[in-house]
Amino acid sequence: MQKILQEFEKQSEIMDSKQEMMDEVVDDAFEVEDEEGQAEEVVGQVLAEIGIDLGDQMSAAPGHAPAQAAAATEGIDADLEERLKNLRS
């Protein structure tokens, strides 16, 4: 009986140490997310202080307009649908 109790105590200690390690890993993972959020917040504050609004600048950026991208996607979708019909028949 004594041996069984000692083995139980040993296994309980092992389980406790594993639980503690898992808790630390989870805490570290959430800490990283918090740091990323804080970094984004600081960058936003700095950009606001110097008068840069990325939302306005991104919409005026050169490149494909959203409507053009949507039209291109629709063309690709139609092509894929046609290929699928050909495979089924």
C-alpha atoms as a PDB file:
ATOM      1  CA  MET A   1       0.000   0.000   0.000  1.00  0.00           C
ATOM      2  CA  GLN A   2       2.872   2.333   0.867  1.00  0.00           C
ATOM      3  CA  LYS A   3       4.445   1.733  -2.552  1.00  0.00           C
ATOM      4  CA  ILE A   4       1.196   2.542  -4.337  1.00  0.00           C
ATOM      5  CA  LEU A   5       0.841   5.802  -2.407  1.00  0.00           C
ATOM      6  CA  GLN A   6       4.422   6.779  -3.211  1.00  0.00           C
ATOM      7  CA  GLU A   7       3.864   6.051  -6.900  1.00  0.00           C
ATOM      8  CA  PHE A   8       0.652   8.091  -6.829  1.00  0.00           C
ATOM      9  CA  GLU A   9       2.462  10.999  -5.186  1.00  0.00           C
ATOM     10  CA  LYS A  10       5.263  10.806  -7.750  1.00  0.00           C
ATOM     11  CA  GLN A  11       2.816  10.791 -10.663  1.00  0.00           C
ATOM     12  CA  SER A  12       0.882  13.660  -9.096  1.00  0.00           C
ATOM     13  CA  GLU A  13       4.056  15.754  -8.867  1.00  0.00           C
ATOM     14  CA  ILE A  14       4.891  14.982 -12.505  1.00  0.00           C
ATOM     15  CA  MET A  15       1.389  15.993 -13.545  1.00  0.00           C
ATOM     16  CA  ASP A  16       1.625  19.218 -11.541  1.00  0.00           C
ATOM     17  CA  SER A  17       4.927  20.160 -13.174  1.00  0.00           C
ATOM     18  CA  LYS A  18       3.506  19.433 -16.646  1.00  0.00           C
ATOM     19  CA  GLN A  19       0.451  21.550 -15.850  1.00  0.00           C
ATOM     20  CA  GLU A  20       2.698  24.380 -14.692  1.00  0.00           C
ATOM     21  CA  MET A  21       4.697  24.206 -17.927  1.00  0.00           C
ATOM     22  CA  MET A  22       1.511  24.265 -20.012  1.00  0.00           C
ATOM     23  CA  ASP A  23       0.229  27.274 -18.071  1.00  0.00           C
ATOM     24  CA  GLU A  24       3.488  29.119 -18.740  1.00  0.00           C
ATOM     25  CA  VAL A  25       3.299  28.340 -22.456  1.00  0.00           C
ATOM     26  CA  VAL A  26      -0.286  29.583 -22.677  1.00  0.00           C
ATOM     27  CA  ASP A  27       0.591  32.729 -20.719  1.00  0.00           C
ATOM     28  CA  ASP A  28       3.551  33.386 -23.036  1.00  0.00           C
ATOM     29  CA  ALA A  29       1.369  32.938 -26.120  1.00  0.00           C
ATOM     30  CA  PHE A  30      -1.177  35.459 -24.877  1.00  0.00           C
ATOM     31  CA  GLU A  31       1.600  37.837 -23.895  1.00  0.00           C
ATOM     32  CA  VAL A  32       2.856  37.877 -27.507  1.00  0.00           C
ATOM     33  CA  GLU A  33      -0.629  38.749 -28.762  1.00  0.00           C
ATOM     34  CA  ASP A  34      -0.854  41.558 -26.219  1.00  0.00           C
ATOM     35  CA  GLU A  35       2.542  42.889 -27.316  1.00  0.00           C
ATOM     36  CA  GLU A  36       1.461  42.862 -30.970  1.00  0.00           C
ATOM     37  CA  GLY A  37      -1.702  44.770 -30.119  1.00  0.00           C
ATOM     38  CA  GLN A  38       0.275  47.290 -28.097  1.00  0.00           C
ATOM     39  CA  ALA A  39       2.778  47.721 -30.934  1.00  0.00           C
ATOM     40  CA  GLU A  40      -0.025  48.355 -33.441  1.00  0.00           C
ATOM     41  CA  GLU A  41      -1.564  50.872 -31.051  1.00  0.00           C
ATOM     42  CA  VAL A  42       1.733  52.752 -30.642  1.00  0.00           C
ATOM     43  CA  VAL A  43       2.306  52.798 -34.419  1.00  0.00           C
ATOM     44  CA  GLY A  44      -1.210  54.149 -34.917  1.00  0.00           C
ATOM     45  CA  GLN A  45      -0.607  56.890 -32.346  1.00  0.00           C
ATOM     46  CA  VAL A  46       2.686  57.893 -33.963  1.00  0.00           C
ATOM     47  CA  LEU A  47       1.134  58.007 -37.415  1.00  0.00           C
ATOM     48  CA  ALA A  48      -1.773  60.062 -36.072  1.00  0.00           C
ATOM     49  CA  GLU A  49       0.648  62.509 -34.464  1.00  0.00           C
ATOM     50  CA  ILE A  50       2.486  63.122 -37.722  1.00  0.00           C
ATOM     51  CA  GLY A  51      -0.764  63.344 -39.653  1.00  0.00           C
ATOM     52  CA  ILE A  52      -0.674  60.172 -41.679  1.00  0.00           C
ATOM     53  CA  ASP A  53      -3.945  58.357 -42.266  1.00  0.00           C
ATOM     54  CA  LEU A  54      -3.166  55.036 -43.913  1.00  0.00           C
ATOM     55  CA  GLY A  55      -6.822  54.401 -44.757  1.00  0.00           C
ATOM     56  CA  ASP A  56      -6.982  57.427 -47.061  1.00  0.00           C
ATOM     57  CA  GLN A  57      -3.602  56.747 -48.596  1.00  0.00           C
ATOM     58  CA  MET A  58      -4.298  53.086 -49.236  1.00  0.00           C
ATOM     59  CA  SER A  59      -7.498  53.816 -51.146  1.00  0.00           C
ATOM     60  CA  ALA A  60      -5.604  56.302 -53.337  1.00  0.00           C
ATOM     61  CA  ALA A  61      -2.646  53.972 -53.865  1.00  0.00           C
ATOM     62  CA  PRO A  62      -1.875  52.971 -57.431  1.00  0.00           C
ATOM     63  CA  GLY A  63      -2.811  49.500 -58.468  1.00  0.00           C
ATOM     64  CA  HIS A  64      -5.952  47.548 -59.071  1.00  0.00           C
ATOM     65  CA  ALA A  65      -9.153  49.105 -57.931  1.00  0.00           C
ATOM     66  CA  PRO A  66     -11.504  46.834 -55.966  1.00  0.00           C
ATOM     67  CA  ALA A  67     -13.958  46.790 -58.872  1.00  0.00           C
ATOM     68  CA  GLN A  68     -11.221  45.668 -61.245  1.00  0.00           C
ATOM     69  CA  ALA A  69     -10.166  42.928 -58.854  1.00  0.00           C
ATOM     70  CA  ALA A  70     -13.759  41.747 -58.507  1.00  0.00           C
ATOM     71  CA  ALA A  71     -14.198  41.650 -62.293  1.00  0.00           C
ATOM     72  CA  ALA A  72     -11.006  39.631 -62.673  1.00  0.00           C
ATOM     73  CA  THR A  73     -12.175  37.201 -59.993  1.00  0.00           C
ATOM     74  CA  GLU A  74     -15.540  36.778 -61.722  1.00  0.00           C
ATOM     75  CA  GLY A  75     -13.755  35.945 -64.981  1.00  0.00           C
ATOM     76  CA  ILE A  76     -11.641  33.328 -63.248  1.00  0.00           C
ATOM     77  CA  ASP A  77     -14.711  31.881 -61.526  1.00  0.00           C
ATOM     78  CA  ALA A  78     -16.570  31.632 -64.836  1.00  0.00           C
ATOM     79  CA  ASP A  79     -13.580  29.887 -66.418  1.00  0.00           C
ATOM     80  CA  LEU A  80     -13.385  27.401 -63.529  1.00  0.00           C
ATOM     81  CA  GLU A  81     -17.119  26.738 -63.722  1.00  0.00           C
ATOM     82  CA  GLU A  82     -16.810  26.038 -67.455  1.00  0.00           C
ATOM     83  CA  ARG A  83     -13.916  23.626 -66.842  1.00  0.00           C
ATOM     84  CA  LEU A  84     -15.908  21.860 -64.138  1.00  0.00           C
ATOM     85  CA  LYS A  85     -18.880  21.433 -66.494  1.00  0.00           C
ATOM     86  CA  ASN A  86     -16.572  19.971 -69.138  1.00  0.00           C
ATOM     87  CA  LEU A  87     -15.145  17.481 -66.658  1.00  0.00           C
ATOM     88  CA  ARG A  88     -18.575  16.364 -65.527  1.00  0.00           C
ATOM     89  CA  SER A  89     -19.781  15.692 -69.050  1.00  0.00           C
END
